[in-house]
Amino acid sequence: MSAIIKIKPLGFPWETTDPFLFCAYHEDNYPKGNGKLGPGVSLEGRNIGQDFTPKDGWRMYHGTKIPGFPAHPHRGFETVTIVQKGLVDHSDSLGAAGRFGNGDVQWMTAGKGVQHSEMFPLLNTEKDNPFLLFQIWLNLPRNKKMVDPHFKMLWNEEIPVISVRDNNNNTTEITIIAGELKGKIATSPAPDSWAADSKNEVAIWTMKMEPNASFSFPKATTGINRSLYFFKGNDVTSEGYTIPVNHEIILNADQDFILKNGDTEGHLLLLQGKPINEPVVKHGPFVMNSQIEIREAISEYQQTEFGGWPWASHDHVHSPTKGRFALFPDGTEIKK
């Protein structure tokens, strides 16, 4: 049996399979900052508040002065935010906050409901501010959709990274955000996550392959969903296929699969997991099991705003002098 089920172009956001909901990939070559954490150039010609056009190689998204996503609600799923380049300022309706990036990952369980903002502060005023982020939406099963909101930081220094050499001494580097590889186990995810049970075989890896490197993927159990997202490089080959960049490779996870990179450095994201196999009903930032639950979520948010917004503005950012940190709802603060 072939390992490859299907090869298809990447859209926006990237399509995923159960237990994942989708993956948003953002790469922006932000200019020098203006000293107020925004871009030090004119914003004229942009659809401010709804700027998703990569004019000059970057976007403001829903930000008006600072790029990013001001306060918005979620219920019924998790966000896994991988920041490979740049920084994110987090603030939420529980009074929690943080600044993370340059390899850090935030794992947030929205559960019964939370508001948060995700702003992209441009701290560098003397040089450009490159930015690269993946945000993966991971579903919660029915019995976990209304758990208390929670967020956990997976700091760059604590995330396992493995380098695997092939027979020609070419290296593939794998960063293990969830799952395990060759005896290395990822930092524990948020406690109510589908990924918290190892039997669900959830894996989230970022991969960097040297030119001409080959990598043999370990098998997973029959029925596990597995996809590879090839987002940077030239091409990769396997099973007689030459696959260009910006394509998804959907795999039979229980089959042998060897991937060979082309003649430039290649970057991929792997998403894998046991499907939850429950109804999925989505409405904007809410993901539940039925339309009735969606209506209930909308109604409750209109009445309570999931605890309100304790910050001075919906696009709240932290002091330019602040380093990487996480402030939790109980007042505990971790500084990096």
C-alpha atoms as a PDB file:
ATOM      1  CA  MET A   1       0.000   0.000   0.000  1.00  0.00           C
ATOM      2  CA  SER A   2       1.261   3.487  -0.845  1.00  0.00           C
ATOM      3  CA  ALA A   3       1.950   5.799   2.075  1.00  0.00           C
ATOM      4  CA  ILE A   4       0.753   8.816   0.087  1.00  0.00           C
ATOM      5  CA  ILE A   5      -3.031   9.225   0.009  1.00  0.00           C
ATOM      6  CA  LYS A   6      -3.218  12.656  -1.618  1.00  0.00           C
ATOM      7  CA  ILE A   7      -1.104  15.682  -2.557  1.00  0.00           C
ATOM      8  CA  LYS A   8      -2.804  19.066  -2.790  1.00  0.00           C
ATOM      9  CA  PRO A   9      -1.866  22.769  -2.850  1.00  0.00           C
ATOM     10  CA  LEU A  10      -1.891  24.771   0.371  1.00  0.00           C
ATOM     11  CA  GLY A  11      -4.640  27.372   0.713  1.00  0.00           C
ATOM     12  CA  PHE A  12      -5.247  29.893   3.472  1.00  0.00           C
ATOM     13  CA  PRO A  13      -5.724  28.765   6.112  1.00  0.00           C
ATOM     14  CA  TRP A  14      -4.259  25.296   5.659  1.00  0.00           C
ATOM     15  CA  GLU A  15      -6.839  22.516   5.699  1.00  0.00           C
ATOM     16  CA  THR A  16      -6.364  19.871   8.384  1.00  0.00           C
ATOM     17  CA  THR A  17      -8.015  16.617   9.417  1.00  0.00           C
ATOM     18  CA  ASP A  18      -9.606  15.513  12.698  1.00  0.00           C
ATOM     19  CA  PRO A  19      -8.552  16.128  15.500  1.00  0.00           C
ATOM     20  CA  PHE A  20      -7.226  19.409  14.025  1.00  0.00           C
ATOM     21  CA  LEU A  21      -9.531  22.143  12.708  1.00  0.00           C
ATOM     22  CA  PHE A  22      -7.112  24.227  10.612  1.00  0.00           C
ATOM     23  CA  CYS A  23      -3.665  25.809  10.633  1.00  0.00           C
ATOM     24  CA  ALA A  24      -3.058  29.506   9.928  1.00  0.00           C
ATOM     25  CA  TYR A  25       0.423  30.274   8.607  1.00  0.00           C
ATOM     26  CA  HIS A  26       1.643  33.867   8.839  1.00  0.00           C
ATOM     27  CA  GLU A  27       5.004  35.042   7.506  1.00  0.00           C
ATOM     28  CA  ASP A  28       5.566  38.800   7.422  1.00  0.00           C
ATOM     29  CA  ASN A  29       8.713  40.769   6.738  1.00  0.00           C
ATOM     30  CA  TYR A  30       7.889  43.683   9.024  1.00  0.00           C
ATOM     31  CA  PRO A  31       9.951  46.865   8.680  1.00  0.00           C
ATOM     32  CA  LYS A  32      11.746  48.729  11.467  1.00  0.00           C
ATOM     33  CA  GLY A  33       9.528  49.667  14.389  1.00  0.00           C
ATOM     34  CA  ASN A  34       8.397  53.237  15.113  1.00  0.00           C
ATOM     35  CA  GLY A  35       9.293  53.139  18.819  1.00  0.00           C
ATOM     36  CA  LYS A  36       5.640  52.531  19.713  1.00  0.00           C
ATOM     37  CA  LEU A  37       5.706  48.827  18.665  1.00  0.00           C
ATOM     38  CA  GLY A  38       4.110  49.559  15.293  1.00  0.00           C
ATOM     39  CA  PRO A  39       5.687  49.760  11.822  1.00  0.00           C
ATOM     40  CA  GLY A  40       7.872  52.774  11.183  1.00  0.00           C
ATOM     41  CA  VAL A  41       6.365  53.439   7.753  1.00  0.00           C
ATOM     42  CA  SER A  42       3.103  54.878   6.446  1.00  0.00           C
ATOM     43  CA  LEU A  43      -0.031  52.734   6.690  1.00  0.00           C
ATOM     44  CA  GLU A  44      -1.637  54.588   3.795  1.00  0.00           C
ATOM     45  CA  GLY A  45      -3.260  52.314   1.241  1.00  0.00           C
ATOM     46  CA  ARG A  46      -4.019  49.558   3.736  1.00  0.00           C
ATOM     47  CA  ASN A  47      -7.469  48.370   4.764  1.00  0.00           C
ATOM     48  CA  ILE A  48      -6.784  49.122   8.421  1.00  0.00           C
ATOM     49  CA  GLY A  49      -8.611  46.791  10.772  1.00  0.00           C
ATOM     50  CA  GLN A  50      -8.957  44.181   8.032  1.00  0.00           C
ATOM     51  CA  ASP A  51      -5.546  44.169   6.330  1.00  0.00           C
ATOM     52  CA  PHE A  52      -4.760  40.685   5.001  1.00  0.00           C
ATOM     53  CA  THR A  53      -3.079  41.863   1.784  1.00  0.00           C
ATOM     54  CA  PRO A  54       0.713  41.306   1.901  1.00  0.00           C
ATOM     55  CA  LYS A  55       1.526  44.815   0.669  1.00  0.00           C
ATOM     56  CA  ASP A  56       5.321  45.315   0.807  1.00  0.00           C
ATOM     57  CA  GLY A  57       5.599  41.792   2.261  1.00  0.00           C
ATOM     58  CA  TRP A  58       3.602  42.291   5.469  1.00  0.00           C
ATOM     59  CA  ARG A  59       0.105  42.724   6.885  1.00  0.00           C
ATOM     60  CA  MET A  60      -1.527  44.544   9.790  1.00  0.00           C
ATOM     61  CA  TYR A  61      -4.314  41.917  10.123  1.00  0.00           C
ATOM     62  CA  HIS A  62      -6.959  43.367  12.482  1.00  0.00           C
ATOM     63  CA  GLY A  63      -4.516  45.771  14.097  1.00  0.00           C
ATOM     64  CA  THR A  64      -4.823  49.518  13.584  1.00  0.00           C
ATOM     65  CA  LYS A  65      -1.498  50.732  15.038  1.00  0.00           C
ATOM     66  CA  ILE A  66       0.278  47.470  15.857  1.00  0.00           C
ATOM     67  CA  PRO A  67      -0.107  44.329  13.734  1.00  0.00           C
ATOM     68  CA  GLY A  68      -2.061  41.416  15.139  1.00  0.00           C
ATOM     69  CA  PHE A  69      -5.440  40.363  16.411  1.00  0.00           C
ATOM     70  CA  PRO A  70      -7.108  42.535  19.109  1.00  0.00           C
ATOM     71  CA  ALA A  71      -9.433  40.978  21.698  1.00  0.00           C
ATOM     72  CA  HIS A  72     -11.686  38.222  20.339  1.00  0.00           C
ATOM     73  CA  PRO A  73     -13.459  35.233  21.959  1.00  0.00           C
ATOM     74  CA  HIS A  74     -13.018  31.453  21.643  1.00  0.00           C
ATOM     75  CA  ARG A  75     -14.898  28.426  22.961  1.00  0.00           C
ATOM     76  CA  GLY A  76     -14.684  24.664  22.520  1.00  0.00           C
ATOM     77  CA  PHE A  77     -11.161  24.049  21.190  1.00  0.00           C
ATOM     78  CA  GLU A  78      -7.464  24.831  21.659  1.00  0.00           C
ATOM     79  CA  THR A  79      -4.939  27.062  19.931  1.00  0.00           C
ATOM     80  CA  VAL A  80      -1.317  25.973  19.583  1.00  0.00           C
ATOM     81  CA  THR A  81       0.686  29.048  18.573  1.00  0.00           C
ATOM     82  CA  ILE A  82       4.204  28.376  17.293  1.00  0.00           C
ATOM     83  CA  VAL A  83       6.277  31.520  16.832  1.00  0.00           C
ATOM     84  CA  GLN A  84       9.442  30.718  14.904  1.00  0.00           C
ATOM     85  CA  LYS A  85      10.422  34.374  14.344  1.00  0.00           C
ATOM     86  CA  GLY A  86       9.319  37.552  16.070  1.00  0.00           C
ATOM     87  CA  LEU A  87       7.219  38.085  19.181  1.00  0.00           C
ATOM     88  CA  VAL A  88       3.575  37.850  20.271  1.00  0.00           C
ATOM     89  CA  ASP A  89       2.004  39.843  23.109  1.00  0.00           C
ATOM     90  CA  HIS A  90      -0.822  37.866  24.758  1.00  0.00           C
ATOM     91  CA  SER A  91      -3.505  39.361  27.022  1.00  0.00           C
ATOM     92  CA  ASP A  92      -6.764  37.697  28.048  1.00  0.00           C
ATOM     93  CA  SER A  93     -10.042  38.054  29.921  1.00  0.00           C
ATOM     94  CA  LEU A  94      -8.690  36.091  32.898  1.00  0.00           C
ATOM     95  CA  GLY A  95      -6.087  38.802  33.529  1.00  0.00           C
ATOM     96  CA  ALA A  96      -3.310  36.597  32.187  1.00  0.00           C
ATOM     97  CA  ALA A  97      -0.650  37.948  29.840  1.00  0.00           C
ATOM     98  CA  GLY A  98       2.643  37.115  28.189  1.00  0.00           C
ATOM     99  CA  ARG A  99       5.269  37.920  25.610  1.00  0.00           C
ATOM    100  CA  PHE A 100       6.708  34.974  23.724  1.00  0.00           C
ATOM    101  CA  GLY A 101       8.420  34.148  20.468  1.00  0.00           C
ATOM    102  CA  ASN A 102      11.582  33.188  18.599  1.00  0.00           C
ATOM    103  CA  GLY A 103      10.893  29.489  19.063  1.00  0.00           C
ATOM    104  CA  ASP A 104       8.389  29.583  21.952  1.00  0.00           C
ATOM    105  CA  VAL A 105       4.956  27.934  21.772  1.00  0.00           C
ATOM    106  CA  GLN A 106       1.756  28.885  23.591  1.00  0.00           C
ATOM    107  CA  TRP A 107      -0.800  26.105  24.162  1.00  0.00           C
ATOM    108  CA  MET A 108      -4.167  27.620  25.080  1.00  0.00           C
ATOM    109  CA  THR A 109      -7.321  25.718  25.979  1.00  0.00           C
ATOM    110  CA  ALA A 110     -10.304  27.991  25.330  1.00  0.00           C
ATOM    111  CA  GLY A 111     -12.694  25.510  26.950  1.00  0.00           C
ATOM    112  CA  LYS A 112     -15.932  27.139  28.151  1.00  0.00           C
ATOM    113  CA  GLY A 113     -14.862  30.544  26.916  1.00  0.00           C
ATOM    114  CA  VAL A 114     -12.093  33.128  26.947  1.00  0.00           C
ATOM    115  CA  GLN A 115     -11.234  36.378  25.217  1.00  0.00           C
ATOM    116  CA  HIS A 116      -7.652  37.029  24.220  1.00  0.00           C
ATOM    117  CA  SER A 117      -5.612  39.373  22.076  1.00  0.00           C
ATOM    118  CA  GLU A 118      -2.552  38.411  20.055  1.00  0.00           C
ATOM    119  CA  MET A 119      -0.508  41.424  18.989  1.00  0.00           C
ATOM    120  CA  PHE A 120       2.817  41.380  17.151  1.00  0.00           C
ATOM    121  CA  PRO A 121       5.047  44.097  18.698  1.00  0.00           C
ATOM    122  CA  LEU A 122       7.825  45.416  16.466  1.00  0.00           C
ATOM    123  CA  LEU A 123      10.547  45.975  19.050  1.00  0.00           C
ATOM    124  CA  ASN A 124      13.447  46.502  16.654  1.00  0.00           C
ATOM    125  CA  THR A 125      13.755  50.156  15.654  1.00  0.00           C
ATOM    126  CA  GLU A 126      17.168  49.886  13.964  1.00  0.00           C
ATOM    127  CA  LYS A 127      16.491  46.840  11.797  1.00  0.00           C
ATOM    128  CA  ASP A 128      13.599  44.906  10.269  1.00  0.00           C
ATOM    129  CA  ASN A 129      11.269  42.692  12.352  1.00  0.00           C
ATOM    130  CA  PRO A 130      10.866  39.326  10.553  1.00  0.00           C
ATOM    131  CA  PHE A 131       7.875  37.306  11.750  1.00  0.00           C
ATOM    132  CA  LEU A 132       6.767  33.691  11.223  1.00  0.00           C
ATOM    133  CA  LEU A 133       3.880  32.092  13.101  1.00  0.00           C
ATOM    134  CA  PHE A 134       1.742  28.965  12.876  1.00  0.00           C
ATOM    135  CA  GLN A 135      -1.537  28.870  14.768  1.00  0.00           C
ATOM    136  CA  ILE A 136      -3.044  25.404  14.893  1.00  0.00           C
ATOM    137  CA  TRP A 137      -6.614  24.902  16.054  1.00  0.00           C
ATOM    138  CA  LEU A 138      -6.931  21.545  17.839  1.00  0.00           C
ATOM    139  CA  ASN A 139     -10.428  20.349  18.647  1.00  0.00           C
ATOM    140  CA  LEU A 140     -11.627  19.306  22.097  1.00  0.00           C
ATOM    141  CA  PRO A 141     -13.864  16.270  22.589  1.00  0.00           C
ATOM    142  CA  ARG A 142     -17.416  16.779  23.806  1.00  0.00           C
ATOM    143  CA  ASN A 143     -16.561  15.999  27.434  1.00  0.00           C
ATOM    144  CA  LYS A 144     -13.808  18.657  27.485  1.00  0.00           C
ATOM    145  CA  LYS A 145     -15.412  21.517  25.565  1.00  0.00           C
ATOM    146  CA  MET A 146     -16.594  23.296  28.703  1.00  0.00           C
ATOM    147  CA  VAL A 147     -13.491  22.901  30.878  1.00  0.00           C
ATOM    148  CA  ASP A 148     -11.963  25.978  32.494  1.00  0.00           C
ATOM    149  CA  PRO A 149      -9.736  28.028  30.151  1.00  0.00           C
ATOM    150  CA  HIS A 150      -6.017  27.447  30.562  1.00  0.00           C
ATOM    151  CA  PHE A 151      -2.781  28.398  28.882  1.00  0.00           C
ATOM    152  CA  LYS A 152       0.653  26.877  29.096  1.00  0.00           C
ATOM    153  CA  MET A 153       3.975  28.069  27.761  1.00  0.00           C
ATOM    154  CA  LEU A 154       6.346  25.702  26.006  1.00  0.00           C
ATOM    155  CA  TRP A 155       9.533  27.749  26.106  1.00  0.00           C
ATOM    156  CA  ASN A 156      12.019  27.389  23.311  1.00  0.00           C
ATOM    157  CA  GLU A 157      14.745  26.231  25.707  1.00  0.00           C
ATOM    158  CA  GLU A 158      12.551  23.323  26.907  1.00  0.00           C
ATOM    159  CA  ILE A 159      11.252  22.004  23.562  1.00  0.00           C
ATOM    160  CA  PRO A 160      13.093  18.862  22.378  1.00  0.00           C
ATOM    161  CA  VAL A 161      15.000  19.141  19.103  1.00  0.00           C
ATOM    162  CA  ILE A 162      16.473  16.110  17.346  1.00  0.00           C
ATOM    163  CA  SER A 163      18.972  16.021  14.476  1.00  0.00           C
ATOM    164  CA  VAL A 164      18.834  12.876  12.347  1.00  0.00           C
ATOM    165  CA  ARG A 165      21.534  12.127   9.777  1.00  0.00           C
ATOM    166  CA  ASP A 166      20.839  10.002   6.701  1.00  0.00           C
ATOM    167  CA  ASN A 167      23.288   7.603   4.995  1.00  0.00           C
ATOM    168  CA  ASN A 168      24.877  10.522   3.135  1.00  0.00           C
ATOM    169  CA  ASN A 169      25.398  12.503   6.343  1.00  0.00           C
ATOM    170  CA  ASN A 170      22.686  15.051   5.483  1.00  0.00           C
ATOM    171  CA  THR A 171      20.682  16.274   8.474  1.00  0.00           C
ATOM    172  CA  THR A 172      16.987  16.654   9.211  1.00  0.00           C
ATOM    173  CA  GLU A 173      16.224  18.706  12.341  1.00  0.00           C
ATOM    174  CA  ILE A 174      12.897  17.992  14.056  1.00  0.00           C
ATOM    175  CA  THR A 175      11.386  20.203  16.769  1.00  0.00           C
ATOM    176  CA  ILE A 176       8.933  18.128  18.825  1.00  0.00           C
ATOM    177  CA  ILE A 177       6.093  20.361  20.010  1.00  0.00           C
ATOM    178  CA  ALA A 178       3.792  17.398  20.664  1.00  0.00           C
ATOM    179  CA  GLY A 179       4.419  13.662  20.514  1.00  0.00           C
ATOM    180  CA  GLU A 180       7.710  11.796  20.608  1.00  0.00           C
ATOM    181  CA  LEU A 181      10.546  10.667  18.367  1.00  0.00           C
ATOM    182  CA  LYS A 182      13.487   8.389  19.047  1.00  0.00           C
ATOM    183  CA  GLY A 183      12.851   8.403  22.785  1.00  0.00           C
ATOM    184  CA  LYS A 184      12.505  12.189  23.033  1.00  0.00           C
ATOM    185  CA  ILE A 185       9.101  13.196  24.425  1.00  0.00           C
ATOM    186  CA  ALA A 186       7.598  16.647  24.011  1.00  0.00           C
ATOM    187  CA  THR A 187       6.862  18.927  26.948  1.00  0.00           C
ATOM    188  CA  SER A 188       3.399  18.129  28.335  1.00  0.00           C
ATOM    189  CA  PRO A 189       0.573  20.039  26.632  1.00  0.00           C
ATOM    190  CA  ALA A 190      -2.308  21.751  28.425  1.00  0.00           C
ATOM    191  CA  PRO A 191      -3.884  19.198  30.808  1.00  0.00           C
ATOM    192  CA  ASP A 192      -7.320  18.893  29.162  1.00  0.00           C
ATOM    193  CA  SER A 193      -5.954  18.589  25.639  1.00  0.00           C
ATOM    194  CA  TRP A 194      -6.669  15.652  23.313  1.00  0.00           C
ATOM    195  CA  ALA A 195      -2.863  15.563  23.071  1.00  0.00           C
ATOM    196  CA  ALA A 196      -2.503  14.941  26.823  1.00  0.00           C
ATOM    197  CA  ASP A 197      -3.401  11.256  26.341  1.00  0.00           C
ATOM    198  CA  SER A 198      -0.536   9.477  24.564  1.00  0.00           C
ATOM    199  CA  LYS A 199      -2.993   6.912  23.160  1.00  0.00           C
ATOM    200  CA  ASN A 200      -4.260   9.654  20.836  1.00  0.00           C
ATOM    201  CA  GLU A 201      -0.812   9.797  19.192  1.00  0.00           C
ATOM    202  CA  VAL A 202      -0.978  13.543  18.626  1.00  0.00           C
ATOM    203  CA  ALA A 203       2.210  14.833  17.022  1.00  0.00           C
ATOM    204  CA  ILE A 204       3.128  18.390  16.051  1.00  0.00           C
ATOM    205  CA  TRP A 205       6.610  18.701  14.585  1.00  0.00           C
ATOM    206  CA  THR A 206       8.408  21.383  12.656  1.00  0.00           C
ATOM    207  CA  MET A 207      11.102  20.019  10.365  1.00  0.00           C
ATOM    208  CA  LYS A 208      14.139  21.536   8.663  1.00  0.00           C
ATOM    209  CA  MET A 209      15.865  19.402   6.033  1.00  0.00           C
ATOM    210  CA  GLU A 210      19.285  20.110   4.615  1.00  0.00           C
ATOM    211  CA  PRO A 211      19.604  20.016   0.820  1.00  0.00           C
ATOM    212  CA  ASN A 212      19.303  16.415  -0.442  1.00  0.00           C
ATOM    213  CA  ALA A 213      18.541  15.068   3.059  1.00  0.00           C
ATOM    214  CA  SER A 214      16.320  11.994   3.420  1.00  0.00           C
ATOM    215  CA  PHE A 215      14.134  11.196   6.416  1.00  0.00           C
ATOM    216  CA  SER A 216      12.272   7.979   7.239  1.00  0.00           C
ATOM    217  CA  PHE A 217       9.086   8.615   9.219  1.00  0.00           C
ATOM    218  CA  PRO A 218       8.180   6.228  12.050  1.00  0.00           C
ATOM    219  CA  LYS A 219       4.912   4.370  11.668  1.00  0.00           C
ATOM    220  CA  ALA A 220       1.862   5.226  13.729  1.00  0.00           C
ATOM    221  CA  THR A 221      -1.195   3.093  14.505  1.00  0.00           C
ATOM    222  CA  THR A 222      -3.710   2.301  11.774  1.00  0.00           C
ATOM    223  CA  GLY A 223      -6.445   4.971  11.738  1.00  0.00           C
ATOM    224  CA  ILE A 224      -4.209   7.843  12.824  1.00  0.00           C
ATOM    225  CA  ASN A 225      -4.486  10.922  10.587  1.00  0.00           C
ATOM    226  CA  ARG A 226      -1.165  12.352   9.392  1.00  0.00           C
ATOM    227  CA  SER A 227      -0.384  15.303   7.117  1.00  0.00           C
ATOM    228  CA  LEU A 228       2.837  17.028   6.069  1.00  0.00           C
ATOM    229  CA  TYR A 229       2.792  20.708   5.072  1.00  0.00           C
ATOM    230  CA  PHE A 230       5.719  21.650   2.803  1.00  0.00           C
ATOM    231  CA  PHE A 231       5.861  25.445   3.100  1.00  0.00           C
ATOM    232  CA  LYS A 232       9.414  26.501   2.296  1.00  0.00           C
ATOM    233  CA  GLY A 233      12.014  25.140  -0.104  1.00  0.00           C
ATOM    234  CA  ASN A 234      11.986  23.983  -3.715  1.00  0.00           C
ATOM    235  CA  ASP A 235      10.723  20.411  -3.979  1.00  0.00           C
ATOM    236  CA  VAL A 236      10.688  17.062  -2.192  1.00  0.00           C
ATOM    237  CA  THR A 237      10.381  13.554  -3.638  1.00  0.00           C
ATOM    238  CA  SER A 238       8.823  10.280  -2.492  1.00  0.00           C
ATOM    239  CA  GLU A 239       7.261   7.208  -4.087  1.00  0.00           C
ATOM    240  CA  GLY A 240       8.023   8.524  -7.556  1.00  0.00           C
ATOM    241  CA  TYR A 241       6.356  11.910  -6.953  1.00  0.00           C
ATOM    242  CA  THR A 242       8.134  15.251  -7.163  1.00  0.00           C
ATOM    243  CA  ILE A 243       6.195  17.584  -4.882  1.00  0.00           C
ATOM    244  CA  PRO A 244       6.682  21.361  -5.210  1.00  0.00           C
ATOM    245  CA  VAL A 245       6.675  23.771  -2.297  1.00  0.00           C
ATOM    246  CA  ASN A 246       3.346  24.955  -0.845  1.00  0.00           C
ATOM    247  CA  HIS A 247       1.719  21.529  -0.926  1.00  0.00           C
ATOM    248  CA  GLU A 248       0.173  19.229   1.675  1.00  0.00           C
ATOM    249  CA  ILE A 249       0.983  15.521   1.657  1.00  0.00           C
ATOM    250  CA  ILE A 250      -1.753  13.387   3.252  1.00  0.00           C
ATOM    251  CA  LEU A 251      -0.366  10.065   4.463  1.00  0.00           C
ATOM    252  CA  ASN A 252      -1.258   6.597   5.633  1.00  0.00           C
ATOM    253  CA  ALA A 253       0.475   6.859   8.997  1.00  0.00           C
ATOM    254  CA  ASP A 254       0.867   3.081   9.340  1.00  0.00           C
ATOM    255  CA  GLN A 255       2.966   2.738   6.161  1.00  0.00           C
ATOM    256  CA  ASP A 256       6.697   3.173   5.613  1.00  0.00           C
ATOM    257  CA  PHE A 257       7.405   6.633   4.227  1.00  0.00           C
ATOM    258  CA  ILE A 258      10.735   8.164   3.205  1.00  0.00           C
ATOM    259  CA  LEU A 259      10.932  11.779   2.086  1.00  0.00           C
ATOM    260  CA  LYS A 260      13.909  13.231   0.215  1.00  0.00           C
ATOM    261  CA  ASN A 261      14.489  16.946   0.040  1.00  0.00           C
ATOM    262  CA  GLY A 262      15.597  18.806  -3.098  1.00  0.00           C
ATOM    263  CA  ASP A 263      18.634  21.024  -3.565  1.00  0.00           C
ATOM    264  CA  THR A 264      17.639  23.835  -1.179  1.00  0.00           C
ATOM    265  CA  GLU A 265      16.841  23.798   2.536  1.00  0.00           C
ATOM    266  CA  GLY A 266      13.296  22.509   3.097  1.00  0.00           C
ATOM    267  CA  HIS A 267      10.837  23.328   5.885  1.00  0.00           C
ATOM    268  CA  LEU A 268       7.770  21.276   6.805  1.00  0.00           C
ATOM    269  CA  LEU A 269       5.123  20.984   9.518  1.00  0.00           C
ATOM    270  CA  LEU A 270       3.741  17.586  10.560  1.00  0.00           C
ATOM    271  CA  LEU A 271       0.301  17.248  12.145  1.00  0.00           C
ATOM    272  CA  GLN A 272      -0.871  13.848  13.345  1.00  0.00           C
ATOM    273  CA  GLY A 273      -3.497  12.468  15.691  1.00  0.00           C
ATOM    274  CA  LYS A 274      -6.267  10.023  16.389  1.00  0.00           C
ATOM    275  CA  PRO A 275      -9.564  11.472  15.153  1.00  0.00           C
ATOM    276  CA  ILE A 276     -12.088  12.512  17.795  1.00  0.00           C
ATOM    277  CA  ASN A 277     -14.915  11.345  15.491  1.00  0.00           C
ATOM    278  CA  GLU A 278     -17.593  13.659  16.879  1.00  0.00           C
ATOM    279  CA  PRO A 279     -19.792  16.201  15.083  1.00  0.00           C
ATOM    280  CA  VAL A 280     -18.042  19.523  14.468  1.00  0.00           C
ATOM    281  CA  VAL A 281     -20.146  22.677  14.195  1.00  0.00           C
ATOM    282  CA  LYS A 282     -18.163  25.895  13.710  1.00  0.00           C
ATOM    283  CA  HIS A 283     -19.265  29.500  13.814  1.00  0.00           C
ATOM    284  CA  GLY A 284     -16.400  31.970  13.705  1.00  0.00           C
ATOM    285  CA  PRO A 285     -14.440  31.588  16.965  1.00  0.00           C
ATOM    286  CA  PHE A 286     -16.739  28.916  18.453  1.00  0.00           C
ATOM    287  CA  VAL A 287     -16.436  25.162  17.789  1.00  0.00           C
ATOM    288  CA  MET A 288     -19.062  22.905  19.339  1.00  0.00           C
ATOM    289  CA  ASN A 289     -20.998  19.697  18.549  1.00  0.00           C
ATOM    290  CA  SER A 290     -24.376  21.195  17.611  1.00  0.00           C
ATOM    291  CA  GLN A 291     -26.066  24.355  16.369  1.00  0.00           C
ATOM    292  CA  ILE A 292     -27.853  24.667  19.728  1.00  0.00           C
ATOM    293  CA  GLU A 293     -24.483  24.792  21.517  1.00  0.00           C
ATOM    294  CA  ILE A 294     -23.278  27.428  19.058  1.00  0.00           C
ATOM    295  CA  ARG A 295     -26.341  29.584  19.781  1.00  0.00           C
ATOM    296  CA  GLU A 296     -25.723  29.124  23.499  1.00  0.00           C
ATOM    297  CA  ALA A 297     -22.088  30.210  23.071  1.00  0.00           C
ATOM    298  CA  ILE A 298     -23.091  33.343  21.168  1.00  0.00           C
ATOM    299  CA  SER A 299     -25.754  34.209  23.729  1.00  0.00           C
ATOM    300  CA  GLU A 300     -23.444  33.711  26.692  1.00  0.00           C
ATOM    301  CA  TYR A 301     -20.683  35.778  25.091  1.00  0.00           C
ATOM    302  CA  GLN A 302     -23.149  38.609  24.433  1.00  0.00           C
ATOM    303  CA  GLN A 303     -24.197  38.545  28.082  1.00  0.00           C
ATOM    304  CA  THR A 304     -20.874  37.957  29.868  1.00  0.00           C
ATOM    305  CA  GLU A 305     -18.090  38.630  27.360  1.00  0.00           C
ATOM    306  CA  PHE A 306     -16.500  35.554  28.968  1.00  0.00           C
ATOM    307  CA  GLY A 307     -15.421  37.603  31.972  1.00  0.00           C
ATOM    308  CA  GLY A 308     -15.023  40.970  30.276  1.00  0.00           C
ATOM    309  CA  TRP A 309     -11.825  42.724  29.260  1.00  0.00           C
ATOM    310  CA  PRO A 310      -9.556  43.916  32.100  1.00  0.00           C
ATOM    311  CA  TRP A 311      -7.018  45.735  29.895  1.00  0.00           C
ATOM    312  CA  ALA A 312      -6.945  49.398  28.858  1.00  0.00           C
ATOM    313  CA  SER A 313      -7.387  48.624  25.158  1.00  0.00           C
ATOM    314  CA  HIS A 314      -8.446  45.708  22.985  1.00  0.00           C
ATOM    315  CA  ASP A 315      -5.058  45.785  21.242  1.00  0.00           C
ATOM    316  CA  HIS A 316      -3.099  45.763  24.514  1.00  0.00           C
ATOM    317  CA  VAL A 317       0.673  45.381  24.296  1.00  0.00           C
ATOM    318  CA  HIS A 318       3.394  45.243  26.921  1.00  0.00           C
ATOM    319  CA  SER A 319       6.242  47.657  27.616  1.00  0.00           C
ATOM    320  CA  PRO A 320       9.016  47.740  24.995  1.00  0.00           C
ATOM    321  CA  THR A 321      11.482  47.001  27.807  1.00  0.00           C
ATOM    322  CA  LYS A 322       9.652  43.840  28.852  1.00  0.00           C
ATOM    323  CA  GLY A 323      11.329  40.537  28.002  1.00  0.00           C
ATOM    324  CA  ARG A 324       9.717  37.161  27.391  1.00  0.00           C
ATOM    325  CA  PHE A 325       7.336  36.324  30.232  1.00  0.00           C
ATOM    326  CA  ALA A 326       4.093  34.605  31.189  1.00  0.00           C
ATOM    327  CA  LEU A 327       1.679  35.977  33.795  1.00  0.00           C
ATOM    328  CA  PHE A 328      -0.967  33.444  34.833  1.00  0.00           C
ATOM    329  CA  PRO A 329      -4.455  34.121  36.272  1.00  0.00           C
ATOM    330  CA  ASP A 330      -3.330  33.194  39.807  1.00  0.00           C
ATOM    331  CA  GLY A 331      -0.678  35.937  39.691  1.00  0.00           C
ATOM    332  CA  THR A 332       2.278  33.607  39.098  1.00  0.00           C
ATOM    333  CA  GLU A 333       4.796  35.142  36.696  1.00  0.00           C
ATOM    334  CA  ILE A 334       7.573  33.406  34.801  1.00  0.00           C
ATOM    335  CA  LYS A 335      10.330  35.496  33.196  1.00  0.00           C
ATOM    336  CA  LYS A 336      12.719  34.284  30.538  1.00  0.00           C
END
